[in-house]
């Protein structure tokens, strides 16, 4: 009997919408049915508010269901509600096996790079492997934090330079001065670093002056309109404005934002590496709760090179207002 396990979601793509993946009801029965049909059973382990799980379903797994004749059997398991599936927890052994294998690869990888990702470098796909392990630990009661910490440390060591083909006398110099983000914005974003990246030393901006982040709190039903008003105000002063929010809110925001040049709508991961004159971060607390949320929120806040607004109905993460 062949069973393929797909644990959470780590990568992105753009594929047309297909059928929804059904929720698993009885894994043993579904595995037998798949075996009789001569195909694998693909089990997608997910958890609430996991944006990467949703992307894996939308961009990779659901399109497979469009071809009914060739489609594998795919079911979804919410790891926080596994007790509904069966009277036993035997299926969790499958998740445990996959997590142990992934953790072993992380621990054995030279200089913090996974053999499965020869063309990728920290901190892209392999960081999602760390996030997956940590999420699974919370469900299984296992503890791979020491392995995760060693992996992150290996990525910082000078040994990683050898992997990049640099000479043995090369040195690692940690950036301590920032030139892009105004000081008041960077100061608030730096409050996330002890959680998002404890091994990274906070940088200071040479741009000591600038407007502090604007905090706009509204009722939940007024959130979308408040974002629209903020965009209108900032677009009058700056060439480029970005609205960065949780993926679940993007459709509602897209309906009210002007479709004009200079206004962009993104999720935090999509904004990585970009910069804008003004940035509006929507519902920072929701971003903070995502897998690797503190890091994603740091990315979102530091895309602004002139002004930053935080528009929210939920209370801001405590670390930002401390």
Protein backbone atom coordinates (compact mmCIF):
# COMPACT_ATOMS: atom_id res chain seq x y z
CA UNK A 1 0.00 0.00 0.00
CA UNK A 2 1.46 3.36 -1.03
CA UNK A 3 0.75 6.44 1.05
CA UNK A 4 2.27 9.80 0.15
CA UNK A 5 2.41 12.44 2.85
CA UNK A 6 2.44 16.14 2.00
CA UNK A 7 3.26 18.08 5.19
CA UNK A 8 2.07 21.71 5.24
CA UNK A 9 3.09 24.07 2.44
CA UNK A 10 6.41 25.66 1.67
CA UNK A 11 6.47 27.00 -1.86
CA UNK A 12 4.52 29.21 -4.19
CA UNK A 13 3.09 28.89 -7.69
CA UNK A 14 0.26 30.20 -9.82
CA UNK A 15 -2.18 27.58 -11.09
CA UNK A 16 -5.82 27.79 -12.03
CA UNK A 17 -8.51 27.06 -9.48
CA UNK A 18 -9.74 23.48 -9.29
CA UNK A 19 -11.93 21.43 -6.96
CA UNK A 20 -11.69 21.70 -3.20
CA UNK A 21 -9.84 18.97 -1.30
CA UNK A 22 -12.19 16.95 0.92
CA UNK A 23 -11.61 16.63 4.65
CA UNK A 24 -10.37 13.21 5.76
CA UNK A 25 -12.97 11.17 7.63
CA UNK A 26 -11.37 7.76 8.02
CA UNK A 27 -7.76 7.46 6.90
CA UNK A 28 -7.67 3.69 7.06
CA UNK A 29 -10.72 3.33 4.81
CA UNK A 30 -9.48 6.01 2.41
CA UNK A 31 -6.08 4.32 2.16
CA UNK A 32 -7.79 1.01 1.30
CA UNK A 33 -9.93 2.73 -1.34
CA UNK A 34 -6.88 4.36 -2.90
CA UNK A 35 -5.05 1.03 -2.91
CA UNK A 36 -7.93 -0.71 -4.65
CA UNK A 37 -7.97 2.10 -7.24
CA UNK A 38 -4.27 1.49 -7.90
CA UNK A 39 -3.10 4.96 -6.85
CA UNK A 40 -1.57 6.74 -3.86
CA UNK A 41 -3.38 8.46 -1.03
CA UNK A 42 -2.09 12.02 -0.68
CA UNK A 43 -2.65 13.37 2.84
CA UNK A 44 -2.26 17.11 3.31
CA UNK A 45 -1.62 17.99 6.96
CA UNK A 46 -2.79 21.54 7.70
CA UNK A 47 -3.47 23.81 10.64
CA UNK A 48 -5.72 26.86 11.11
CA UNK A 49 -4.49 30.22 9.74
CA UNK A 50 -1.73 28.51 7.72
CA UNK A 51 -1.39 30.63 4.59
CA UNK A 52 1.15 28.24 3.08
CA UNK A 53 -1.22 25.29 3.50
CA UNK A 54 -3.85 27.22 1.56
CA UNK A 55 -1.35 28.00 -1.19
CA UNK A 56 -0.30 24.37 -1.46
CA UNK A 57 -3.94 23.38 -1.90
CA UNK A 58 -4.77 26.13 -4.37
CA UNK A 59 -1.62 26.09 -6.51
CA UNK A 60 -0.57 22.43 -6.45
CA UNK A 61 -3.06 19.90 -5.13
CA UNK A 62 -6.48 21.20 -6.18
CA UNK A 63 -5.45 21.54 -9.85
CA UNK A 64 -4.59 17.82 -9.80
CA UNK A 65 -8.26 17.07 -9.12
CA UNK A 66 -9.33 18.74 -12.38
CA UNK A 67 -8.43 15.58 -14.34
CA UNK A 68 -10.78 13.12 -12.69
CA UNK A 69 -9.40 10.14 -14.58
CA UNK A 70 -5.76 10.69 -13.59
CA UNK A 71 -6.21 12.47 -10.26
CA UNK A 72 -4.79 10.81 -7.14
CA UNK A 73 -6.94 10.51 -4.04
CA UNK A 74 -6.25 13.61 -1.91
CA UNK A 75 -7.61 14.34 1.56
CA UNK A 76 -6.92 17.02 4.14
CA UNK A 77 -6.17 16.51 7.84
CA UNK A 78 -6.40 19.39 10.30
CA UNK A 79 -3.65 18.48 12.77
CA UNK A 80 -5.49 20.24 15.58
CA UNK A 81 -8.56 18.02 15.23
CA UNK A 82 -7.16 14.57 14.47
CA UNK A 83 -9.29 12.92 17.18
CA UNK A 84 -12.30 13.09 14.85
CA UNK A 85 -10.65 10.86 12.27
CA UNK A 86 -10.29 7.61 14.13
CA UNK A 87 -10.40 6.12 17.57
CA UNK A 88 -6.61 5.79 17.44
CA UNK A 89 -3.79 8.18 16.63
CA UNK A 90 -1.88 5.75 14.40
CA UNK A 91 -1.93 8.17 11.49
CA UNK A 92 0.16 10.60 13.55
CA UNK A 93 3.01 8.11 13.24
CA UNK A 94 3.15 9.01 9.55
CA UNK A 95 3.52 12.69 10.39
CA UNK A 96 6.14 11.87 13.04
CA UNK A 97 8.15 9.81 10.55
CA UNK A 98 8.21 12.64 8.02
CA UNK A 99 9.18 15.24 10.63
CA UNK A 100 12.00 13.06 11.96
CA UNK A 101 13.32 12.61 8.41
CA UNK A 102 13.19 16.34 7.67
CA UNK A 103 14.85 17.20 10.99
CA UNK A 104 17.63 14.70 10.30
CA UNK A 105 18.27 16.32 6.91
CA UNK A 106 18.49 19.73 8.52
CA UNK A 107 20.93 18.52 11.14
CA UNK A 108 23.17 16.77 8.61
CA UNK A 109 23.18 19.55 6.01
CA UNK A 110 26.60 21.23 5.65
CA UNK A 111 26.68 24.94 6.33
CA UNK A 112 22.96 25.07 6.80
CA UNK A 113 21.95 24.00 3.29
CA UNK A 114 19.65 21.09 2.51
CA UNK A 115 20.81 18.65 -0.16
CA UNK A 116 17.29 18.75 -1.61
CA UNK A 117 17.77 22.44 -2.39
CA UNK A 118 21.14 22.63 -4.18
CA UNK A 119 20.21 25.86 -5.94
CA UNK A 120 18.52 27.53 -2.98
CA UNK A 121 20.16 29.36 -0.11
CA UNK A 122 19.08 30.41 3.36
CA UNK A 123 16.71 32.01 4.17
CA UNK A 124 14.20 30.86 1.53
CA UNK A 125 12.62 27.43 1.23
CA UNK A 126 14.66 25.76 3.94
CA UNK A 127 13.34 28.20 6.54
CA UNK A 128 9.85 26.90 5.84
CA UNK A 129 11.21 23.44 6.64
CA UNK A 130 12.16 24.78 10.08
CA UNK A 131 8.70 26.33 10.48
CA UNK A 132 7.06 23.04 9.49
CA UNK A 133 9.06 21.12 12.07
CA UNK A 134 8.19 23.58 14.80
CA UNK A 135 4.48 23.46 13.90
CA UNK A 136 4.48 19.66 13.91
CA UNK A 137 6.27 19.61 17.28
CA UNK A 138 3.30 21.43 18.77
CA UNK A 139 0.95 18.69 17.56
CA UNK A 140 3.11 15.64 18.21
CA UNK A 141 4.60 16.75 21.51
CA UNK A 142 8.10 16.24 20.07
CA UNK A 143 10.97 18.69 20.46
CA UNK A 144 13.33 19.46 17.59
CA UNK A 145 14.14 23.01 18.72
CA UNK A 146 17.80 22.16 19.33
CA UNK A 147 18.12 20.91 15.74
CA UNK A 148 16.37 24.02 14.42
CA UNK A 149 18.67 26.27 16.44
CA UNK A 150 21.78 24.43 15.21
CA UNK A 151 20.59 24.77 11.64
CA UNK A 152 20.09 28.53 11.98
CA UNK A 153 23.53 28.83 13.61
CA UNK A 154 25.17 26.90 10.77
CA UNK A 155 23.73 29.36 8.32
CA UNK A 156 25.53 32.16 10.16
CA UNK A 157 28.93 30.49 10.44
CA UNK A 158 31.88 31.40 8.22
CA UNK A 159 31.77 27.76 7.06
CA UNK A 160 28.85 28.75 4.87
CA UNK A 161 31.26 30.91 2.88
CA UNK A 162 33.02 27.80 1.63
CA UNK A 163 29.76 26.54 0.21
CA UNK A 164 29.52 29.80 -1.73
CA UNK A 165 33.02 29.33 -3.19
CA UNK A 166 34.66 32.26 -1.41
CA UNK A 167 38.35 32.23 -0.34
CA UNK A 168 39.25 30.87 3.11
CA UNK A 169 40.29 34.31 4.38
CA UNK A 170 36.81 35.76 3.73
CA UNK A 171 35.03 37.11 6.81
CA UNK A 172 31.41 37.54 7.81
CA UNK A 173 30.50 41.16 8.53
CA UNK A 174 27.10 41.69 10.09
CA UNK A 175 25.25 44.74 8.81
CA UNK A 176 24.59 47.15 11.67
CA UNK A 177 23.68 50.31 9.78
CA UNK A 178 20.60 50.67 7.61
CA UNK A 179 20.25 53.30 4.89
CA UNK A 180 16.81 52.54 3.48
CA UNK A 181 14.24 52.60 6.28
CA UNK A 182 13.70 55.73 8.43
CA UNK A 183 14.81 55.43 12.04
CA UNK A 184 11.35 55.62 13.70
CA UNK A 185 10.03 52.81 11.48
CA UNK A 186 13.10 50.62 11.95
CA UNK A 187 12.99 51.13 15.71
CA UNK A 188 9.48 49.67 15.91
CA UNK A 189 10.24 46.83 13.50
CA UNK A 190 13.36 45.91 15.46
CA UNK A 191 11.16 45.00 18.42
CA UNK A 192 10.21 41.87 16.47
CA UNK A 193 13.77 40.62 16.00
CA UNK A 194 14.25 38.87 19.38
CA UNK A 195 11.36 36.60 18.34
CA UNK A 196 11.69 36.61 14.56
CA UNK A 197 15.46 36.18 14.36
CA UNK A 198 17.13 36.12 17.80
CA UNK A 199 20.55 35.55 16.23
CA UNK A 200 20.34 38.81 14.23
CA UNK A 201 21.65 42.02 15.76
CA UNK A 202 19.17 44.92 15.31
CA UNK A 203 20.42 47.54 12.88
CA UNK A 204 20.19 51.30 13.29
CA UNK A 205 19.20 53.71 10.58
CA UNK A 206 21.33 56.61 9.39
CA UNK A 207 18.01 58.33 8.72
CA UNK A 208 17.33 59.35 12.28
CA UNK A 209 14.44 61.62 11.31
CA UNK A 210 11.14 60.71 9.74
CA UNK A 211 7.51 60.19 10.59
CA UNK A 212 6.81 57.52 13.21
CA UNK A 213 4.50 54.68 12.15
CA UNK A 214 0.86 55.79 12.08
CA UNK A 215 -1.39 53.54 14.15
CA UNK A 216 -4.96 53.47 12.82
CA UNK A 217 -7.36 51.35 14.89
CA UNK A 218 -10.92 50.88 13.66
CA UNK A 219 -13.84 48.53 14.15
CA UNK A 220 -13.65 45.28 12.18
CA UNK A 221 -16.52 46.29 9.87
CA UNK A 222 -14.72 49.55 9.03
CA UNK A 223 -11.32 48.00 8.34
CA UNK A 224 -11.48 47.82 4.53
CA UNK A 225 -12.81 51.37 4.19
CA UNK A 226 -10.11 52.65 6.55
CA UNK A 227 -7.43 51.05 4.38
CA UNK A 228 -8.95 52.63 1.27
CA UNK A 229 -8.93 56.06 2.90
CA UNK A 230 -5.31 55.62 3.98
CA UNK A 231 -4.31 54.66 0.44
CA UNK A 232 -6.01 57.75 -0.96
CA UNK A 233 -4.20 60.01 1.49
CA UNK A 234 -0.76 58.49 0.95
CA UNK A 235 -1.10 58.22 -2.83
CA UNK A 236 -1.46 61.99 -2.94
CA UNK A 237 2.00 62.41 -1.40
CA UNK A 238 4.04 59.50 -2.78
CA UNK A 239 4.71 57.74 -6.08
CA UNK A 240 4.44 54.17 -4.77
CA UNK A 241 2.08 52.84 -2.09
CA UNK A 242 1.78 49.21 -1.00
CA UNK A 243 -0.97 47.55 1.01
CA UNK A 244 0.41 44.44 2.72
CA UNK A 245 -1.95 42.16 4.59
CA UNK A 246 -2.89 38.55 5.36
CA UNK A 247 -3.83 36.57 2.27
CA UNK A 248 -7.35 36.00 3.62
CA UNK A 249 -8.04 39.75 3.48
CA UNK A 250 -6.61 40.42 0.02
CA UNK A 251 -9.83 39.73 -1.97
CA UNK A 252 -11.85 42.21 0.12
CA UNK A 253 -9.09 44.81 -0.10
CA UNK A 254 -8.77 44.36 -3.87
CA UNK A 255 -12.42 45.35 -4.30
CA UNK A 256 -11.94 48.81 -2.78
CA UNK A 257 -8.38 49.75 -3.79
CA UNK A 258 -7.89 51.92 -6.87
CA UNK A 259 -6.52 50.04 -9.87
CA UNK A 260 -4.02 52.79 -10.64
CA UNK A 261 -0.31 52.72 -11.28
CA UNK A 262 1.70 53.04 -8.09
CA UNK A 263 -0.68 51.17 -5.76
CA UNK A 264 0.20 47.54 -5.01
CA UNK A 265 -1.61 44.87 -2.98
CA UNK A 266 0.57 42.08 -1.58
CA UNK A 267 0.89 39.51 1.16
CA UNK A 268 4.07 39.74 3.29
CA UNK A 269 5.92 36.99 1.43
CA UNK A 270 5.12 38.60 -1.92
CA UNK A 271 6.54 41.91 -0.66
CA UNK A 272 9.89 40.39 0.32
CA UNK A 273 12.76 42.21 -1.39
CA UNK A 274 10.59 45.12 -2.58
CA UNK A 275 10.37 48.69 -1.33
CA UNK A 276 7.74 51.42 -1.55
CA UNK A 277 7.51 55.07 -0.56
CA UNK A 278 4.57 54.33 1.72
CA UNK A 279 3.34 51.04 3.15
CA UNK A 280 0.06 50.17 4.85
CA UNK A 281 0.23 46.98 6.91
CA UNK A 282 -3.25 45.58 7.52
CA UNK A 283 -4.04 43.57 10.66
CA UNK A 284 -0.48 43.07 11.94
CA UNK A 285 -1.76 40.67 14.62
CA UNK A 286 -3.11 38.29 11.96
CA UNK A 287 0.23 38.32 10.14
CA UNK A 288 2.02 37.73 13.45
CA UNK A 289 -0.03 34.55 14.03
CA UNK A 290 0.99 32.98 10.73
CA UNK A 291 3.74 30.38 10.43
CA UNK A 292 6.96 32.37 10.76
CA UNK A 293 4.67 35.34 11.47
CA UNK A 294 7.09 37.61 13.40
CA UNK A 295 9.55 37.40 10.51
CA UNK A 296 6.82 38.10 7.94
CA UNK A 297 5.59 41.10 9.92
CA UNK A 298 9.16 42.45 10.10
CA UNK A 299 9.43 42.09 6.32
CA UNK A 300 6.12 43.90 5.80
CA UNK A 301 6.99 46.83 8.06
CA UNK A 302 10.46 47.36 6.60
CA UNK A 303 9.25 47.72 2.99
CA UNK A 304 8.52 51.41 3.70
CA UNK A 305 11.19 53.98 2.82
CA UNK A 306 9.15 57.06 3.78
CA UNK A 307 5.93 56.36 5.68
CA UNK A 308 4.35 53.37 7.41
CA UNK A 309 0.77 52.94 8.59
CA UNK A 310 -0.59 50.05 10.65
CA UNK A 311 -4.34 49.73 10.10
CA UNK A 312 -5.97 47.25 12.45
CA UNK A 313 -9.12 46.18 14.23
CA UNK A 314 -7.40 43.59 16.42
CA UNK A 315 -4.98 44.76 19.13
CA UNK A 316 -1.43 45.07 17.88
CA UNK A 317 1.03 42.33 18.92
CA UNK A 318 2.23 43.18 22.41
CA UNK A 319 5.85 43.23 21.33
CA UNK A 320 5.18 46.22 19.04
CA UNK A 321 3.61 48.39 21.71
CA UNK A 322 5.95 47.47 24.58
